Amino acid sequence: VPRVKYLILNFIAAAIWAHSFAWGGYFMGRKLEDWLGDSKWFVLGGFIAFMISFGVFGAMRGRAKTAQLAAEASETPPTE
């Protein structure tokens, strides 16, 4: 496929993709808001709590991995 044709088709596809996700998210968000009603704040709070716990778990896992790598690096190799 020639470069110019590829760039044009890629630009058109990107525009279609971006608009479909933007408008789809807008309309689905409105429908979800109507469906959840007043409980949307509980769902939002649960989502925020989940994301915070996910971040804390990731940080703890990262620290454990760093400590393990530091311990392995500080070990002296056996001499024969």
N, C-alpha and C. Protein backbone atom coordinates (compact mmCIF):
# COMPACT_ATOMS: atom_id res chain seq x y z
N VAL A 1 0.86 -1.17 0.00
CA VAL A 1 0.00 0.00 0.00
C VAL A 1 0.90 1.24 0.00
N PRO A 2 0.66 2.16 -0.89
CA PRO A 2 1.47 3.39 -0.92
C PRO A 2 1.32 4.19 0.38
N ARG A 3 2.37 4.92 0.72
CA ARG A 3 2.38 5.67 1.98
C ARG A 3 1.24 6.67 2.09
N VAL A 4 1.02 7.42 1.04
CA VAL A 4 -0.01 8.46 1.08
C VAL A 4 -1.39 7.84 1.29
N LYS A 5 -1.67 6.78 0.57
CA LYS A 5 -2.97 6.11 0.72
C LYS A 5 -3.10 5.54 2.13
N TYR A 6 -2.01 4.95 2.64
CA TYR A 6 -2.02 4.41 4.00
C TYR A 6 -2.29 5.51 5.02
N LEU A 7 -1.60 6.64 4.89
CA LEU A 7 -1.79 7.74 5.84
C LEU A 7 -3.22 8.28 5.80
N ILE A 8 -3.77 8.42 4.61
CA ILE A 8 -5.14 8.92 4.49
C ILE A 8 -6.13 7.95 5.13
N LEU A 9 -6.00 6.66 4.79
CA LEU A 9 -6.91 5.67 5.37
C LEU A 9 -6.73 5.55 6.88
N ASN A 10 -5.48 5.65 7.35
CA ASN A 10 -5.22 5.59 8.78
C ASN A 10 -5.84 6.79 9.50
N PHE A 11 -5.75 7.96 8.91
CA PHE A 11 -6.34 9.16 9.50
C PHE A 11 -7.86 9.04 9.56
N ILE A 12 -8.47 8.54 8.49
CA ILE A 12 -9.93 8.36 8.47
C ILE A 12 -10.35 7.35 9.53
N ALA A 13 -9.63 6.23 9.61
CA ALA A 13 -9.96 5.20 10.60
C ALA A 13 -9.79 5.73 12.02
N ALA A 14 -8.75 6.51 12.26
CA ALA A 14 -8.53 7.08 13.59
C ALA A 14 -9.65 8.04 13.96
N ALA A 15 -10.11 8.84 13.01
CA ALA A 15 -11.20 9.77 13.27
C ALA A 15 -12.49 9.02 13.59
N ILE A 16 -12.77 7.97 12.81
CA ILE A 16 -13.98 7.17 13.07
C ILE A 16 -13.88 6.51 14.44
N TRP A 17 -12.72 5.94 14.76
CA TRP A 17 -12.53 5.26 16.04
C TRP A 17 -12.71 6.24 17.20
N ALA A 18 -12.06 7.40 17.11
CA ALA A 18 -12.13 8.38 18.19
C ALA A 18 -13.56 8.88 18.40
N HIS A 19 -14.25 9.18 17.33
CA HIS A 19 -15.62 9.68 17.45
C HIS A 19 -16.56 8.61 17.98
N SER A 20 -16.38 7.38 17.53
CA SER A 20 -17.28 6.32 18.01
C SER A 20 -17.08 6.07 19.50
N PHE A 21 -15.85 6.08 19.97
CA PHE A 21 -15.61 5.89 21.40
C PHE A 21 -16.07 7.09 22.21
N ALA A 22 -15.85 8.29 21.70
CA ALA A 22 -16.26 9.48 22.44
C ALA A 22 -17.78 9.55 22.56
N TRP A 23 -18.49 9.42 21.44
CA TRP A 23 -19.95 9.48 21.48
C TRP A 23 -20.55 8.27 22.19
N GLY A 24 -19.95 7.10 21.97
CA GLY A 24 -20.43 5.90 22.66
C GLY A 24 -20.28 6.03 24.17
N GLY A 25 -19.14 6.56 24.61
CA GLY A 25 -18.93 6.78 26.04
C GLY A 25 -19.89 7.81 26.60
N TYR A 26 -20.15 8.84 25.83
CA TYR A 26 -21.07 9.88 26.27
C TYR A 26 -22.47 9.31 26.48
N PHE A 27 -22.98 8.62 25.48
CA PHE A 27 -24.34 8.09 25.58
C PHE A 27 -24.45 6.95 26.58
N MET A 28 -23.45 6.08 26.61
CA MET A 28 -23.49 4.98 27.59
C MET A 28 -23.35 5.52 29.01
N GLY A 29 -22.56 6.57 29.18
CA GLY A 29 -22.43 7.18 30.49
C GLY A 29 -23.74 7.79 30.97
N ARG A 30 -24.45 8.43 30.06
CA ARG A 30 -25.75 8.99 30.44
C ARG A 30 -26.74 7.89 30.79
N LYS A 31 -26.75 6.81 30.01
CA LYS A 31 -27.66 5.70 30.31
C LYS A 31 -27.29 5.03 31.63
N LEU A 32 -26.00 4.88 31.87
CA LEU A 32 -25.56 4.28 33.13
C LEU A 32 -25.93 5.16 34.31
N GLU A 33 -25.81 6.47 34.13
CA GLU A 33 -26.18 7.40 35.19
C GLU A 33 -27.68 7.32 35.48
N ASP A 34 -28.50 7.22 34.43
CA ASP A 34 -29.94 7.06 34.63
C ASP A 34 -30.27 5.74 35.30
N TRP A 35 -29.58 4.68 34.89
CA TRP A 35 -29.83 3.34 35.43
C TRP A 35 -29.43 3.25 36.90
N LEU A 36 -28.30 3.86 37.27
CA LEU A 36 -27.83 3.77 38.65
C LEU A 36 -28.62 4.68 39.59
N GLY A 37 -29.08 5.80 39.08
CA GLY A 37 -29.85 6.73 39.90
C GLY A 37 -29.01 7.29 41.03
N ASP A 38 -29.55 7.27 42.25
CA ASP A 38 -28.85 7.83 43.40
C ASP A 38 -27.69 6.96 43.88
N SER A 39 -27.66 5.71 43.47
CA SER A 39 -26.59 4.83 43.93
C SER A 39 -25.28 5.05 43.18
N LYS A 40 -25.27 6.00 42.24
CA LYS A 40 -24.04 6.23 41.48
C LYS A 40 -22.89 6.67 42.38
N TRP A 41 -23.19 7.34 43.48
CA TRP A 41 -22.13 7.78 44.38
C TRP A 41 -21.52 6.60 45.12
N PHE A 42 -22.32 5.59 45.42
CA PHE A 42 -21.77 4.38 46.05
C PHE A 42 -20.89 3.62 45.06
N VAL A 43 -21.31 3.57 43.83
CA VAL A 43 -20.51 2.90 42.80
C VAL A 43 -19.20 3.65 42.59
N LEU A 44 -19.27 4.97 42.55
CA LEU A 44 -18.06 5.77 42.40
C LEU A 44 -17.13 5.57 43.58
N GLY A 45 -17.68 5.57 44.80
CA GLY A 45 -16.86 5.33 45.98
C GLY A 45 -16.22 3.95 45.97
N GLY A 46 -16.97 2.94 45.55
CA GLY A 46 -16.42 1.59 45.44
C GLY A 46 -15.31 1.52 44.40
N PHE A 47 -15.50 2.21 43.29
CA PHE A 47 -14.48 2.22 42.25
C PHE A 47 -13.21 2.91 42.74
N ILE A 48 -13.37 4.03 43.43
CA ILE A 48 -12.20 4.74 43.97
C ILE A 48 -11.49 3.88 45.00
N ALA A 49 -12.25 3.20 45.88
CA ALA A 49 -11.64 2.32 46.88
C ALA A 49 -10.88 1.18 46.20
N PHE A 50 -11.46 0.62 45.14
CA PHE A 50 -10.79 -0.45 44.40
C PHE A 50 -9.49 0.05 43.79
N MET A 51 -9.51 1.22 43.19
CA MET A 51 -8.31 1.75 42.56
C MET A 51 -7.23 2.06 43.59
N ILE A 52 -7.62 2.59 44.74
CA ILE A 52 -6.64 2.86 45.80
C ILE A 52 -6.03 1.56 46.30
N SER A 53 -6.86 0.55 46.54
CA SER A 53 -6.33 -0.73 47.01
C SER A 53 -5.44 -1.37 45.95
N PHE A 54 -5.79 -1.22 44.69
CA PHE A 54 -4.97 -1.74 43.61
C PHE A 54 -3.61 -1.04 43.60
N GLY A 55 -3.60 0.28 43.80
CA GLY A 55 -2.35 1.03 43.84
C GLY A 55 -1.50 0.67 45.04
N VAL A 56 -2.13 0.51 46.20
CA VAL A 56 -1.39 0.12 47.41
C VAL A 56 -0.79 -1.27 47.23
N PHE A 57 -1.57 -2.19 46.70
CA PHE A 57 -1.06 -3.55 46.46
C PHE A 57 0.12 -3.51 45.50
N GLY A 58 0.02 -2.73 44.45
CA GLY A 58 1.12 -2.61 43.49
C GLY A 58 2.37 -2.02 44.11
N ALA A 59 2.18 -1.01 44.97
CA ALA A 59 3.33 -0.40 45.64
C ALA A 59 3.99 -1.39 46.59
N MET A 60 3.18 -2.13 47.34
CA MET A 60 3.73 -3.13 48.26
C MET A 60 4.47 -4.22 47.50
N ARG A 61 3.91 -4.64 46.40
CA ARG A 61 4.56 -5.68 45.59
C ARG A 61 5.87 -5.16 45.01
N GLY A 62 5.88 -3.91 44.57
CA GLY A 62 7.10 -3.30 44.04
C GLY A 62 8.18 -3.18 45.08
N ARG A 63 7.80 -2.80 46.30
CA ARG A 63 8.79 -2.70 47.37
C ARG A 63 9.35 -4.06 47.74
N ALA A 64 8.49 -5.07 47.76
CA ALA A 64 8.97 -6.43 48.08
C ALA A 64 9.93 -6.91 47.00
N LYS A 65 9.63 -6.63 45.75
CA LYS A 65 10.50 -7.04 44.65
C LYS A 65 11.83 -6.30 44.73
N THR A 66 11.81 -5.01 45.05
CA THR A 66 13.03 -4.24 45.19
C THR A 66 13.88 -4.77 46.34
N ALA A 67 13.24 -5.08 47.46
CA ALA A 67 13.97 -5.63 48.61
C ALA A 67 14.58 -6.98 48.26
N GLN A 68 13.85 -7.80 47.53
CA GLN A 68 14.36 -9.11 47.13
C GLN A 68 15.57 -8.95 46.21
N LEU A 69 15.48 -8.06 45.25
CA LEU A 69 16.60 -7.84 44.34
C LEU A 69 17.81 -7.27 45.07
N ALA A 70 17.58 -6.39 46.04
CA ALA A 70 18.69 -5.84 46.82
C ALA A 70 19.35 -6.92 47.66
N ALA A 71 18.54 -7.82 48.23
CA ALA A 71 19.10 -8.91 49.03
C ALA A 71 19.91 -9.86 48.15
N GLU A 72 19.42 -10.14 46.96
CA GLU A 72 20.15 -11.02 46.05
C GLU A 72 21.44 -10.37 45.58
N ALA A 73 21.43 -9.06 45.39
CA ALA A 73 22.63 -8.36 44.93
C ALA A 73 23.68 -8.27 46.02
N SER A 74 23.26 -8.23 47.27
CA SER A 74 24.22 -8.09 48.37
C SER A 74 24.85 -9.41 48.78
N GLU A 75 24.29 -10.51 48.32
CA GLU A 75 24.88 -11.81 48.65
C GLU A 75 26.21 -11.95 47.94
N THR A 76 27.18 -12.48 48.66
CA THR A 76 28.49 -12.70 48.05
C THR A 76 28.52 -14.08 47.42
N PRO A 77 29.11 -14.19 46.26
CA PRO A 77 29.17 -15.51 45.63
C PRO A 77 30.12 -16.42 46.41
N PRO A 78 29.85 -17.70 46.44
CA PRO A 78 30.72 -18.62 47.17
C PRO A 78 32.09 -18.72 46.50
N THR A 79 33.11 -18.78 47.34
CA THR A 79 34.47 -18.93 46.82
C THR A 79 34.92 -20.37 46.95
N GLU A 80 35.66 -20.81 45.98
CA GLU A 80 36.13 -22.20 46.02
C GLU A 80 37.59 -22.28 46.29
